[in-house]
Amino acid sequence: MTYTSKTSTSSTSSTSSTETTTTSTPTASLFVNGHFPRRRALVILVSALFGFALTVVWSAEFVDRTIGGNVAAALLGHEAHDAPIGGALAGVAFALATGVAGTFTACNVAAFSAIAPLAGAGTVPTRRGRMARVLRPLGPLAAGAVVVSAAYGVVVALVGTGMPQFQESAPGGVSAGLSPRTIQAMVVFGLIGLVMVVFGLAALGLVRDPLARVSARFPGAPMFVMGALIGAFLIGRPFPLFRQLFRDAAESHNVLYGAVAFSLQALGNVLIMAVLFVVMALVAGERLGTWFAADPRRASAVTAAAFIAAGVFMILYWDVRILARRDLIWYPMAPWA
């Protein structure tokens, strides 16, 4: 992809704002519209600080136990924590309920960054058109999540309880205090965070769009990749309710059950996000679309900020703060965190 700079010098009222924009080839993806804000450093700084601040105040105990546990119990009709899963059908229900309950956990909150590029996708005059525009990209998002989560569910069912996510005791030596399960979470979420930061920088035109070529042929590819990242959350997920499902699938050695249960867990993770976006599109979609259309650089700034904030949060929370929780380094944390 080549980048060129254009500076408006016309004295007419339509160009009096003297926009300095960067344009890209038509192969740009959903995440990169080719119109980049002037104050890119400010976008990076503010979004990175927001991601950092979120790691300081985030309370896993409150989110996992209070919110996640109570939501799962309400959906299932009984206490979910440490409750036995009685058969495949009960496991399927448990998977969907705990997926929804885990929407706001630290390993899933970054999924909300997918809303930003959709919000800036343009304006549609009719309610039906806005609904169609909203639902269309949710298909590739769900497909990506299902492909990755189902594949991991099959692996779990085949390998069983010998996987690192079952190994909770910390080995000695250099990694003292870090169990294999913790190390796996650090690696998985650190890589996902890095990918999101790259997407954010691409939205600002600071790096090449990694999805430009594939998007030229498959326009839904960015949302599919985003869904795949959401599905990959299960690979590192330490959410207590997910570990119950994980163990049940591993002990069953039923690959179909593992694939279905893990797929529903991933879909449950994006269900509330999808509902919120549909509501937002119907209530304020026309005004929001008009605001973005008035200056396409706004969509780039919002998309970049969402991805960078989410990526910084993932990296700092899972690869830095977790070391502080093991007393290996110092990291600022709120008293309730």
C-alpha atoms as a PDB file:
ATOM      1  CA  MET A   1       0.000   0.000   0.000  1.00  0.00           C
ATOM      2  CA  THR A   2       1.322   3.474  -0.841  1.00  0.00           C
ATOM      3  CA  TYR A   3       0.561   6.589   1.102  1.00  0.00           C
ATOM      4  CA  THR A   4       0.457  10.094  -0.356  1.00  0.00           C
ATOM      5  CA  SER A   5      -0.239  13.394   1.294  1.00  0.00           C
ATOM      6  CA  LYS A   6      -2.628  16.008  -0.069  1.00  0.00           C
ATOM      7  CA  THR A   7      -2.945  19.553   1.282  1.00  0.00           C
ATOM      8  CA  SER A   8      -5.922  21.663   0.329  1.00  0.00           C
ATOM      9  CA  THR A   9      -4.985  25.213  -0.711  1.00  0.00           C
ATOM     10  CA  SER A  10      -8.318  26.403  -2.106  1.00  0.00           C
ATOM     11  CA  SER A  11      -9.788  29.527  -0.549  1.00  0.00           C
ATOM     12  CA  THR A  12     -13.393  28.392  -0.984  1.00  0.00           C
ATOM     13  CA  SER A  13     -15.538  27.823   2.073  1.00  0.00           C
ATOM     14  CA  SER A  14     -15.660  24.075   1.492  1.00  0.00           C
ATOM     15  CA  THR A  15     -11.880  23.821   1.941  1.00  0.00           C
ATOM     16  CA  SER A  16     -11.213  26.684   4.313  1.00  0.00           C
ATOM     17  CA  SER A  17     -10.428  24.220   7.082  1.00  0.00           C
ATOM     18  CA  THR A  18      -7.268  23.205   5.143  1.00  0.00           C
ATOM     19  CA  GLU A  19      -7.407  19.493   5.875  1.00  0.00           C
ATOM     20  CA  THR A  20      -4.186  17.561   5.613  1.00  0.00           C
ATOM     21  CA  THR A  21      -5.262  14.029   4.919  1.00  0.00           C
ATOM     22  CA  THR A  22      -3.532  10.880   3.885  1.00  0.00           C
ATOM     23  CA  THR A  23      -5.150   8.716   1.255  1.00  0.00           C
ATOM     24  CA  SER A  24      -4.605   5.073   0.556  1.00  0.00           C
ATOM     25  CA  THR A  25      -5.328   2.749  -2.303  1.00  0.00           C
ATOM     26  CA  PRO A  26      -8.852   1.331  -2.635  1.00  0.00           C
ATOM     27  CA  THR A  27      -7.606  -1.907  -1.050  1.00  0.00           C
ATOM     28  CA  ALA A  28      -7.964  -0.435   2.451  1.00  0.00           C
ATOM     29  CA  SER A  29      -9.938  -2.607   4.865  1.00  0.00           C
ATOM     30  CA  LEU A  30     -12.857  -1.854   7.174  1.00  0.00           C
ATOM     31  CA  PHE A  31     -10.365  -0.841   9.877  1.00  0.00           C
ATOM     32  CA  VAL A  32      -8.516   1.640   7.612  1.00  0.00           C
ATOM     33  CA  ASN A  33     -10.518   4.166   5.600  1.00  0.00           C
ATOM     34  CA  GLY A  34      -7.511   6.094   4.248  1.00  0.00           C
ATOM     35  CA  HIS A  35      -8.366   9.389   5.987  1.00  0.00           C
ATOM     36  CA  PHE A  36      -5.980   9.927   8.866  1.00  0.00           C
ATOM     37  CA  PRO A  37      -6.251  12.558  11.637  1.00  0.00           C
ATOM     38  CA  ARG A  38      -3.592  15.224  11.948  1.00  0.00           C
ATOM     39  CA  ARG A  39      -3.017  14.764  15.685  1.00  0.00           C
ATOM     40  CA  ARG A  40      -2.129  11.108  15.542  1.00  0.00           C
ATOM     41  CA  ALA A  41       0.313  11.333  18.446  1.00  0.00           C
ATOM     42  CA  LEU A  42      -2.460  12.726  20.639  1.00  0.00           C
ATOM     43  CA  VAL A  43      -4.794   9.859  19.680  1.00  0.00           C
ATOM     44  CA  ILE A  44      -2.108   7.330  20.613  1.00  0.00           C
ATOM     45  CA  LEU A  45      -1.266   9.060  23.888  1.00  0.00           C
ATOM     46  CA  VAL A  46      -4.860   9.459  25.098  1.00  0.00           C
ATOM     47  CA  SER A  47      -5.948   5.944  24.132  1.00  0.00           C
ATOM     48  CA  ALA A  48      -2.817   4.351  25.624  1.00  0.00           C
ATOM     49  CA  LEU A  49      -3.312   6.276  28.865  1.00  0.00           C
ATOM     50  CA  PHE A  50      -6.932   5.111  28.969  1.00  0.00           C
ATOM     51  CA  GLY A  51      -5.840   1.490  28.524  1.00  0.00           C
ATOM     52  CA  PHE A  52      -3.232   1.903  31.252  1.00  0.00           C
ATOM     53  CA  ALA A  53      -5.691   3.567  33.648  1.00  0.00           C
ATOM     54  CA  LEU A  54      -8.131   0.712  33.141  1.00  0.00           C
ATOM     55  CA  THR A  55      -5.492  -1.794  34.255  1.00  0.00           C
ATOM     56  CA  VAL A  56      -4.907   0.232  37.419  1.00  0.00           C
ATOM     57  CA  VAL A  57      -8.549   0.218  38.534  1.00  0.00           C
ATOM     58  CA  TRP A  58      -9.688  -3.142  37.121  1.00  0.00           C
ATOM     59  CA  SER A  59     -10.891  -5.589  39.765  1.00  0.00           C
ATOM     60  CA  ALA A  60     -10.914  -9.164  38.490  1.00  0.00           C
ATOM     61  CA  GLU A  61     -12.565 -10.359  41.700  1.00  0.00           C
ATOM     62  CA  PHE A  62     -15.508  -7.983  41.267  1.00  0.00           C
ATOM     63  CA  VAL A  63     -15.955  -8.632  37.547  1.00  0.00           C
ATOM     64  CA  ASP A  64     -15.432 -12.409  37.637  1.00  0.00           C
ATOM     65  CA  ARG A  65     -17.236 -13.233  40.859  1.00  0.00           C
ATOM     66  CA  THR A  66     -19.765 -10.471  41.480  1.00  0.00           C
ATOM     67  CA  ILE A  67     -20.830  -9.692  37.921  1.00  0.00           C
ATOM     68  CA  GLY A  68     -19.950 -12.892  36.070  1.00  0.00           C
ATOM     69  CA  GLY A  69     -21.041 -15.265  38.820  1.00  0.00           C
ATOM     70  CA  ASN A  70     -24.352 -13.510  39.470  1.00  0.00           C
ATOM     71  CA  VAL A  71     -25.226 -13.230  35.769  1.00  0.00           C
ATOM     72  CA  ALA A  72     -24.476 -16.918  35.202  1.00  0.00           C
ATOM     73  CA  ALA A  73     -26.534 -17.907  38.260  1.00  0.00           C
ATOM     74  CA  ALA A  74     -29.481 -15.805  37.054  1.00  0.00           C
ATOM     75  CA  LEU A  75     -29.372 -17.344  33.572  1.00  0.00           C
ATOM     76  CA  LEU A  76     -28.976 -20.925  34.806  1.00  0.00           C
ATOM     77  CA  GLY A  77     -31.363 -20.643  37.735  1.00  0.00           C
ATOM     78  CA  HIS A  78     -28.805 -21.944  40.234  1.00  0.00           C
ATOM     79  CA  GLU A  79     -25.344 -21.155  41.583  1.00  0.00           C
ATOM     80  CA  ALA A  80     -22.858 -21.753  38.756  1.00  0.00           C
ATOM     81  CA  HIS A  81     -19.578 -21.757  40.649  1.00  0.00           C
ATOM     82  CA  ASP A  82     -18.367 -25.310  41.348  1.00  0.00           C
ATOM     83  CA  ALA A  83     -21.773 -26.705  40.319  1.00  0.00           C
ATOM     84  CA  PRO A  84     -21.535 -30.061  38.510  1.00  0.00           C
ATOM     85  CA  ILE A  85     -22.421 -30.072  34.807  1.00  0.00           C
ATOM     86  CA  GLY A  86     -24.890 -32.903  34.347  1.00  0.00           C
ATOM     87  CA  GLY A  87     -24.519 -34.064  30.765  1.00  0.00           C
ATOM     88  CA  ALA A  88     -23.998 -32.569  27.330  1.00  0.00           C
ATOM     89  CA  LEU A  89     -27.241 -30.556  27.202  1.00  0.00           C
ATOM     90  CA  ALA A  90     -26.520 -29.032  30.596  1.00  0.00           C
ATOM     91  CA  GLY A  91     -23.006 -28.284  29.373  1.00  0.00           C
ATOM     92  CA  VAL A  92     -24.341 -26.490  26.303  1.00  0.00           C
ATOM     93  CA  ALA A  93     -26.604 -24.334  28.479  1.00  0.00           C
ATOM     94  CA  PHE A  94     -23.711 -23.719  30.888  1.00  0.00           C
ATOM     95  CA  ALA A  95     -21.470 -22.702  27.977  1.00  0.00           C
ATOM     96  CA  LEU A  96     -23.874 -20.085  26.614  1.00  0.00           C
ATOM     97  CA  ALA A  97     -24.778 -18.701  30.051  1.00  0.00           C
ATOM     98  CA  THR A  98     -21.172 -18.377  31.205  1.00  0.00           C
ATOM     99  CA  GLY A  99     -20.210 -16.904  27.830  1.00  0.00           C
ATOM    100  CA  VAL A 100     -22.721 -14.111  28.339  1.00  0.00           C
ATOM    101  CA  ALA A 101     -21.635 -13.793  31.980  1.00  0.00           C
ATOM    102  CA  GLY A 102     -18.011 -13.418  30.887  1.00  0.00           C
ATOM    103  CA  THR A 103     -18.710 -10.513  28.534  1.00  0.00           C
ATOM    104  CA  PHE A 104     -17.110  -7.941  30.827  1.00  0.00           C
ATOM    105  CA  THR A 105     -14.186  -9.997  32.107  1.00  0.00           C
ATOM    106  CA  ALA A 106     -10.647  -8.732  31.562  1.00  0.00           C
ATOM    107  CA  CYS A 107     -10.034 -11.248  28.776  1.00  0.00           C
ATOM    108  CA  ASN A 108     -13.134 -10.245  26.814  1.00  0.00           C
ATOM    109  CA  VAL A 109     -13.620  -6.514  27.350  1.00  0.00           C
ATOM    110  CA  ALA A 110     -11.285  -5.786  24.426  1.00  0.00           C
ATOM    111  CA  ALA A 111     -13.882  -7.317  22.100  1.00  0.00           C
ATOM    112  CA  PHE A 112     -15.830  -4.056  22.330  1.00  0.00           C
ATOM    113  CA  SER A 113     -13.165  -2.414  20.161  1.00  0.00           C
ATOM    114  CA  ALA A 114     -14.894  -4.150  17.210  1.00  0.00           C
ATOM    115  CA  ILE A 115     -17.800  -1.710  17.555  1.00  0.00           C
ATOM    116  CA  ALA A 116     -15.720   1.339  16.615  1.00  0.00           C
ATOM    117  CA  PRO A 117     -15.037   0.556  12.935  1.00  0.00           C
ATOM    118  CA  LEU A 118     -18.668  -0.501  12.469  1.00  0.00           C
ATOM    119  CA  ALA A 119     -19.899   2.789  13.924  1.00  0.00           C
ATOM    120  CA  GLY A 120     -17.939   4.713  11.293  1.00  0.00           C
ATOM    121  CA  ALA A 121     -19.048   2.594   8.349  1.00  0.00           C
ATOM    122  CA  GLY A 122     -21.270   5.309   6.898  1.00  0.00           C
ATOM    123  CA  THR A 123     -24.786   6.687   7.065  1.00  0.00           C
ATOM    124  CA  VAL A 124     -27.933   4.849   5.994  1.00  0.00           C
ATOM    125  CA  PRO A 125     -31.197   6.845   5.783  1.00  0.00           C
ATOM    126  CA  THR A 126     -33.705   4.114   6.662  1.00  0.00           C
ATOM    127  CA  ARG A 127     -34.114   2.068   9.838  1.00  0.00           C
ATOM    128  CA  ARG A 128     -34.202  -1.150   7.805  1.00  0.00           C
ATOM    129  CA  GLY A 129     -31.020  -0.177   6.011  1.00  0.00           C
ATOM    130  CA  ARG A 130     -29.268   0.581   9.294  1.00  0.00           C
ATOM    131  CA  MET A 131     -30.350  -2.782  10.670  1.00  0.00           C
ATOM    132  CA  ALA A 132     -28.999  -4.554   7.582  1.00  0.00           C
ATOM    133  CA  ARG A 133     -25.716  -2.655   7.852  1.00  0.00           C
ATOM    134  CA  VAL A 134     -25.421  -3.676  11.499  1.00  0.00           C
ATOM    135  CA  LEU A 135     -26.247  -7.350  11.072  1.00  0.00           C
ATOM    136  CA  ARG A 136     -24.159  -7.953   7.951  1.00  0.00           C
ATOM    137  CA  PRO A 137     -20.696  -7.695   9.584  1.00  0.00           C
ATOM    138  CA  LEU A 138     -21.837  -9.671  12.634  1.00  0.00           C
ATOM    139  CA  GLY A 139     -21.919 -12.799  10.459  1.00  0.00           C
ATOM    140  CA  PRO A 140     -18.156 -12.834   9.725  1.00  0.00           C
ATOM    141  CA  LEU A 141     -17.491 -11.853  13.349  1.00  0.00           C
ATOM    142  CA  ALA A 142     -19.458 -14.856  14.627  1.00  0.00           C
ATOM    143  CA  ALA A 143     -17.901 -17.135  11.994  1.00  0.00           C
ATOM    144  CA  GLY A 144     -14.366 -16.206  13.060  1.00  0.00           C
ATOM    145  CA  ALA A 145     -15.190 -16.771  16.721  1.00  0.00           C
ATOM    146  CA  VAL A 146     -16.788 -20.165  16.012  1.00  0.00           C
ATOM    147  CA  VAL A 147     -13.945 -21.435  13.809  1.00  0.00           C
ATOM    148  CA  VAL A 148     -11.248 -20.785  16.409  1.00  0.00           C
ATOM    149  CA  SER A 149     -13.244 -21.720  19.516  1.00  0.00           C
ATOM    150  CA  ALA A 150     -14.631 -24.915  17.972  1.00  0.00           C
ATOM    151  CA  ALA A 151     -11.163 -25.991  16.874  1.00  0.00           C
ATOM    152  CA  TYR A 152      -9.836 -25.412  20.381  1.00  0.00           C
ATOM    153  CA  GLY A 153     -12.775 -27.324  21.851  1.00  0.00           C
ATOM    154  CA  VAL A 154     -11.862 -30.310  19.677  1.00  0.00           C
ATOM    155  CA  VAL A 155      -8.231 -30.116  20.831  1.00  0.00           C
ATOM    156  CA  VAL A 156      -9.312 -29.968  24.487  1.00  0.00           C
ATOM    157  CA  ALA A 157     -11.582 -32.994  24.072  1.00  0.00           C
ATOM    158  CA  LEU A 158      -8.818 -34.980  22.364  1.00  0.00           C
ATOM    159  CA  VAL A 159      -5.901 -34.059  24.640  1.00  0.00           C
ATOM    160  CA  GLY A 160      -7.842 -34.042  27.921  1.00  0.00           C
ATOM    161  CA  THR A 161      -6.645 -32.741  31.248  1.00  0.00           C
ATOM    162  CA  GLY A 162      -2.958 -32.794  30.343  1.00  0.00           C
ATOM    163  CA  MET A 163      -3.133 -29.307  28.816  1.00  0.00           C
ATOM    164  CA  PRO A 164      -1.361 -26.319  30.435  1.00  0.00           C
ATOM    165  CA  GLN A 165      -4.671 -24.703  31.454  1.00  0.00           C
ATOM    166  CA  PHE A 166      -5.105 -27.505  34.004  1.00  0.00           C
ATOM    167  CA  GLN A 167      -1.661 -27.014  35.555  1.00  0.00           C
ATOM    168  CA  GLU A 168      -2.176 -24.533  38.372  1.00  0.00           C
ATOM    169  CA  SER A 169       0.952 -25.216  40.457  1.00  0.00           C
ATOM    170  CA  ALA A 170       3.856 -22.876  39.790  1.00  0.00           C
ATOM    171  CA  PRO A 171       7.177 -24.466  38.838  1.00  0.00           C
ATOM    172  CA  GLY A 172      10.449 -23.384  40.450  1.00  0.00           C
ATOM    173  CA  GLY A 173      13.294 -21.499  38.848  1.00  0.00           C
ATOM    174  CA  VAL A 174      12.936 -18.402  36.740  1.00  0.00           C
ATOM    175  CA  SER A 175       9.161 -18.655  36.424  1.00  0.00           C
ATOM    176  CA  ALA A 176       8.557 -19.123  40.148  1.00  0.00           C
ATOM    177  CA  GLY A 177       5.059 -17.960  41.004  1.00  0.00           C
ATOM    178  CA  LEU A 178       3.793 -18.422  37.428  1.00  0.00           C
ATOM    179  CA  SER A 179       1.848 -21.587  36.699  1.00  0.00           C
ATOM    180  CA  PRO A 180       1.702 -23.024  33.165  1.00  0.00           C
ATOM    181  CA  ARG A 181      -1.908 -21.822  33.004  1.00  0.00           C
ATOM    182  CA  THR A 182      -0.805 -18.285  33.851  1.00  0.00           C
ATOM    183  CA  ILE A 183       2.054 -18.337  31.353  1.00  0.00           C
ATOM    184  CA  GLN A 184      -0.312 -19.515  28.621  1.00  0.00           C
ATOM    185  CA  ALA A 185      -2.697 -16.658  29.422  1.00  0.00           C
ATOM    186  CA  MET A 186       0.168 -14.150  29.336  1.00  0.00           C
ATOM    187  CA  VAL A 187       1.364 -15.347  25.926  1.00  0.00           C
ATOM    188  CA  VAL A 188      -2.084 -15.561  24.325  1.00  0.00           C
ATOM    189  CA  PHE A 189      -3.453 -12.242  25.544  1.00  0.00           C
ATOM    190  CA  GLY A 190      -0.146 -10.473  25.020  1.00  0.00           C
ATOM    191  CA  LEU A 191      -0.153 -11.509  21.346  1.00  0.00           C
ATOM    192  CA  ILE A 192      -3.804 -10.525  20.929  1.00  0.00           C
ATOM    193  CA  GLY A 193      -3.045  -7.140  22.485  1.00  0.00           C
ATOM    194  CA  LEU A 194      -0.126  -6.649  20.109  1.00  0.00           C
ATOM    195  CA  VAL A 195      -2.349  -7.421  17.102  1.00  0.00           C
ATOM    196  CA  MET A 196      -4.885  -4.854  18.293  1.00  0.00           C
ATOM    197  CA  VAL A 197      -2.211  -2.195  18.682  1.00  0.00           C
ATOM    198  CA  VAL A 198      -1.085  -2.891  15.106  1.00  0.00           C
ATOM    199  CA  PHE A 199      -4.679  -2.510  13.891  1.00  0.00           C
ATOM    200  CA  GLY A 200      -4.865   0.817  15.733  1.00  0.00           C
ATOM    201  CA  LEU A 201      -1.629   2.099  14.222  1.00  0.00           C
ATOM    202  CA  ALA A 202      -2.804   0.998  10.776  1.00  0.00           C
ATOM    203  CA  ALA A 203      -6.039   2.950  11.258  1.00  0.00           C
ATOM    204  CA  LEU A 204      -3.851   6.026  11.823  1.00  0.00           C
ATOM    205  CA  GLY A 205      -1.745   5.309   8.730  1.00  0.00           C
ATOM    206  CA  LEU A 206       1.433   4.743  10.732  1.00  0.00           C
ATOM    207  CA  VAL A 207       1.894   1.148   9.561  1.00  0.00           C
ATOM    208  CA  ARG A 208       0.630  -0.713   6.527  1.00  0.00           C
ATOM    209  CA  ASP A 209      -2.841  -2.174   6.789  1.00  0.00           C
ATOM    210  CA  PRO A 210      -2.213  -5.928   7.320  1.00  0.00           C
ATOM    211  CA  LEU A 211      -5.693  -6.783   6.022  1.00  0.00           C
ATOM    212  CA  ALA A 212      -5.750  -4.582   2.915  1.00  0.00           C
ATOM    213  CA  ARG A 213      -4.978  -7.302   0.361  1.00  0.00           C
ATOM    214  CA  VAL A 214      -7.344  -9.930   1.702  1.00  0.00           C
ATOM    215  CA  SER A 215     -10.072  -7.305   2.215  1.00  0.00           C
ATOM    216  CA  ALA A 216      -9.930  -6.426  -1.499  1.00  0.00           C
ATOM    217  CA  ARG A 217     -11.226  -9.922  -2.236  1.00  0.00           C
ATOM    218  CA  PHE A 218     -13.149 -10.654   0.964  1.00  0.00           C
ATOM    219  CA  PRO A 219     -14.626  -7.455   2.459  1.00  0.00           C
ATOM    220  CA  GLY A 220     -15.732  -9.321   5.577  1.00  0.00           C
ATOM    221  CA  ALA A 221     -12.185 -10.438   6.389  1.00  0.00           C
ATOM    222  CA  PRO A 222     -11.504  -7.780   9.089  1.00  0.00           C
ATOM    223  CA  MET A 223     -14.564  -8.795  11.099  1.00  0.00           C
ATOM    224  CA  PHE A 224     -13.709 -12.479  10.617  1.00  0.00           C
ATOM    225  CA  VAL A 225     -10.226 -11.812  12.009  1.00  0.00           C
ATOM    226  CA  MET A 226     -11.741  -9.877  14.904  1.00  0.00           C
ATOM    227  CA  GLY A 227     -14.024 -12.824  15.601  1.00  0.00           C
ATOM    228  CA  ALA A 228     -11.045 -15.174  15.461  1.00  0.00           C
ATOM    229  CA  LEU A 229      -9.310 -13.060  18.109  1.00  0.00           C
ATOM    230  CA  ILE A 230     -12.415 -13.275  20.303  1.00  0.00           C
ATOM    231  CA  GLY A 231     -12.470 -17.047  19.818  1.00  0.00           C
ATOM    232  CA  ALA A 232      -8.800 -17.162  20.766  1.00  0.00           C
ATOM    233  CA  PHE A 233      -9.646 -15.610  24.148  1.00  0.00           C
ATOM    234  CA  LEU A 234     -10.676 -19.116  25.213  1.00  0.00           C
ATOM    235  CA  ILE A 235      -7.139 -20.388  24.638  1.00  0.00           C
ATOM    236  CA  GLY A 236      -5.801 -18.285  27.483  1.00  0.00           C
ATOM    237  CA  ARG A 237      -8.939 -17.671  29.489  1.00  0.00           C
ATOM    238  CA  PRO A 238      -8.583 -18.168  33.279  1.00  0.00           C
ATOM    239  CA  PHE A 239     -12.221 -17.188  34.016  1.00  0.00           C
ATOM    240  CA  PRO A 240     -13.274 -19.627  36.800  1.00  0.00           C
ATOM    241  CA  LEU A 241     -16.619 -20.507  35.199  1.00  0.00           C
ATOM    242  CA  PHE A 242     -14.909 -21.224  31.888  1.00  0.00           C
ATOM    243  CA  ARG A 243     -12.455 -23.556  33.635  1.00  0.00           C
ATOM    244  CA  GLN A 244     -15.422 -25.639  34.814  1.00  0.00           C
ATOM    245  CA  LEU A 245     -16.615 -26.001  31.226  1.00  0.00           C
ATOM    246  CA  PHE A 246     -13.043 -26.631  30.092  1.00  0.00           C
ATOM    247  CA  ARG A 247     -12.599 -29.503  32.529  1.00  0.00           C
ATOM    248  CA  ASP A 248     -15.973 -31.021  31.662  1.00  0.00           C
ATOM    249  CA  ALA A 249     -15.150 -31.012  27.930  1.00  0.00           C
ATOM    250  CA  ALA A 250     -11.677 -32.424  28.557  1.00  0.00           C
ATOM    251  CA  GLU A 251     -12.938 -35.235  30.752  1.00  0.00           C
ATOM    252  CA  SER A 252     -15.717 -36.137  28.299  1.00  0.00           C
ATOM    253  CA  HIS A 253     -13.313 -36.706  25.359  1.00  0.00           C
ATOM    254  CA  ASN A 254     -16.312 -35.916  23.138  1.00  0.00           C
ATOM    255  CA  VAL A 255     -15.054 -33.746  20.274  1.00  0.00           C
ATOM    256  CA  LEU A 256     -18.556 -32.731  19.157  1.00  0.00           C
ATOM    257  CA  TYR A 257     -19.448 -31.610  22.666  1.00  0.00           C
ATOM    258  CA  GLY A 258     -16.156 -29.748  22.978  1.00  0.00           C
ATOM    259  CA  ALA A 259     -16.662 -27.952  19.654  1.00  0.00           C
ATOM    260  CA  VAL A 260     -20.285 -26.985  20.332  1.00  0.00           C
ATOM    261  CA  ALA A 261     -19.725 -25.928  23.950  1.00  0.00           C
ATOM    262  CA  PHE A 262     -16.678 -23.806  23.160  1.00  0.00           C
ATOM    263  CA  SER A 263     -18.441 -22.225  20.158  1.00  0.00           C
ATOM    264  CA  LEU A 264     -21.404 -21.222  22.328  1.00  0.00           C
ATOM    265  CA  GLN A 265     -19.041 -19.858  24.957  1.00  0.00           C
ATOM    266  CA  ALA A 266     -17.427 -17.604  22.326  1.00  0.00           C
ATOM    267  CA  LEU A 267     -20.782 -16.550  20.844  1.00  0.00           C
ATOM    268  CA  GLY A 268     -22.031 -15.730  24.333  1.00  0.00           C
ATOM    269  CA  ASN A 269     -19.029 -13.416  24.698  1.00  0.00           C
ATOM    270  CA  VAL A 270     -20.169 -11.277  21.755  1.00  0.00           C
ATOM    271  CA  LEU A 271     -23.936 -11.482  22.285  1.00  0.00           C
ATOM    272  CA  ILE A 272     -24.254  -8.456  24.557  1.00  0.00           C
ATOM    273  CA  MET A 273     -21.794  -6.509  22.408  1.00  0.00           C
ATOM    274  CA  ALA A 274     -23.933  -7.247  19.333  1.00  0.00           C
ATOM    275  CA  VAL A 275     -27.147  -6.241  21.104  1.00  0.00           C
ATOM    276  CA  LEU A 276     -25.605  -2.980  22.317  1.00  0.00           C
ATOM    277  CA  PHE A 277     -24.421  -2.127  18.836  1.00  0.00           C
ATOM    278  CA  VAL A 278     -27.818  -2.888  17.290  1.00  0.00           C
ATOM    279  CA  VAL A 279     -29.499  -0.627  19.846  1.00  0.00           C
ATOM    280  CA  MET A 280     -26.927   2.104  19.260  1.00  0.00           C
ATOM    281  CA  ALA A 281     -27.388   1.863  15.497  1.00  0.00           C
ATOM    282  CA  LEU A 282     -31.181   2.093  15.725  1.00  0.00           C
ATOM    283  CA  VAL A 283     -31.267   4.896  18.296  1.00  0.00           C
ATOM    284  CA  ALA A 284     -28.400   7.109  17.175  1.00  0.00           C
ATOM    285  CA  GLY A 285     -27.148   5.445  14.004  1.00  0.00           C
ATOM    286  CA  GLU A 286     -28.248   8.163  11.576  1.00  0.00           C
ATOM    287  CA  ARG A 287     -26.820  11.030  13.649  1.00  0.00           C
ATOM    288  CA  LEU A 288     -23.637   9.088  14.360  1.00  0.00           C
ATOM    289  CA  GLY A 289     -23.218   8.119  10.714  1.00  0.00           C
ATOM    290  CA  THR A 290     -23.728  11.724   9.613  1.00  0.00           C
ATOM    291  CA  TRP A 291     -21.150  12.906  12.156  1.00  0.00           C
ATOM    292  CA  PHE A 292     -18.577  10.426  10.867  1.00  0.00           C
ATOM    293  CA  ALA A 293     -19.421  11.144   7.208  1.00  0.00           C
ATOM    294  CA  ALA A 294     -18.845  14.880   7.746  1.00  0.00           C
ATOM    295  CA  ASP A 295     -15.188  14.152   8.411  1.00  0.00           C
ATOM    296  CA  PRO A 296     -13.954  10.580   7.714  1.00  0.00           C
ATOM    297  CA  ARG A 297     -10.900  11.261   9.882  1.00  0.00           C
ATOM    298  CA  ARG A 298     -13.181  11.007  12.922  1.00  0.00           C
ATOM    299  CA  ALA A 299     -13.871   7.347  12.136  1.00  0.00           C
ATOM    300  CA  SER A 300     -10.133   6.698  11.832  1.00  0.00           C
ATOM    301  CA  ALA A 301      -9.463   8.376  15.180  1.00  0.00           C
ATOM    302  CA  VAL A 302     -12.224   6.479  16.991  1.00  0.00           C
ATOM    303  CA  THR A 303     -11.232   3.138  15.459  1.00  0.00           C
ATOM    304  CA  ALA A 304      -7.559   3.670  16.268  1.00  0.00           C
ATOM    305  CA  ALA A 305      -8.300   4.809  19.817  1.00  0.00           C
ATOM    306  CA  ALA A 306     -10.492   1.776  20.493  1.00  0.00           C
ATOM    307  CA  PHE A 307      -7.917  -0.699  19.200  1.00  0.00           C
ATOM    308  CA  ILE A 308      -4.932   0.947  20.890  1.00  0.00           C
ATOM    309  CA  ALA A 309      -6.716   1.289  24.238  1.00  0.00           C
ATOM    310  CA  ALA A 310      -7.810  -2.357  24.092  1.00  0.00           C
ATOM    311  CA  GLY A 311      -4.367  -3.561  23.000  1.00  0.00           C
ATOM    312  CA  VAL A 312      -2.517  -1.597  25.673  1.00  0.00           C
ATOM    313  CA  PHE A 313      -4.951  -2.883  28.284  1.00  0.00           C
ATOM    314  CA  MET A 314      -4.391  -6.503  27.202  1.00  0.00           C
ATOM    315  CA  ILE A 315      -0.607  -6.199  27.197  1.00  0.00           C
ATOM    316  CA  LEU A 316      -0.270  -4.314  30.480  1.00  0.00           C
ATOM    317  CA  TYR A 317      -2.937  -6.305  32.336  1.00  0.00           C
ATOM    318  CA  TRP A 318      -1.821  -9.773  31.247  1.00  0.00           C
ATOM    319  CA  ASP A 319       1.921  -9.301  30.757  1.00  0.00           C
ATOM    320  CA  VAL A 320       2.844  -6.647  33.333  1.00  0.00           C
ATOM    321  CA  ARG A 321       0.252  -6.365  36.097  1.00  0.00           C
ATOM    322  CA  ILE A 322       0.084 -10.117  36.482  1.00  0.00           C
ATOM    323  CA  LEU A 323       3.796 -10.092  37.405  1.00  0.00           C
ATOM    324  CA  ALA A 324       3.017  -7.547  40.112  1.00  0.00           C
ATOM    325  CA  ARG A 325       0.270  -9.809  41.461  1.00  0.00           C
ATOM    326  CA  ARG A 326       2.994 -12.440  41.896  1.00  0.00           C
ATOM    327  CA  ASP A 327       5.242  -9.897  43.696  1.00  0.00           C
ATOM    328  CA  LEU A 328       7.824 -10.113  40.910  1.00  0.00           C
ATOM    329  CA  ILE A 329       7.658  -6.415  39.975  1.00  0.00           C
ATOM    330  CA  TRP A 330       5.844  -3.269  41.128  1.00  0.00           C
ATOM    331  CA  TYR A 331       2.815  -1.952  39.253  1.00  0.00           C
ATOM    332  CA  PRO A 332       0.315   0.715  40.348  1.00  0.00           C
ATOM    333  CA  MET A 333      -3.032  -0.789  41.360  1.00  0.00           C
ATOM    334  CA  ALA A 334      -6.085   0.660  43.061  1.00  0.00           C
ATOM    335  CA  PRO A 335      -6.739  -0.658  46.592  1.00  0.00           C
ATOM    336  CA  TRP A 336      -9.811  -2.585  45.411  1.00  0.00           C
ATOM    337  CA  ALA A 337      -7.968  -4.156  42.465  1.00  0.00           C
END
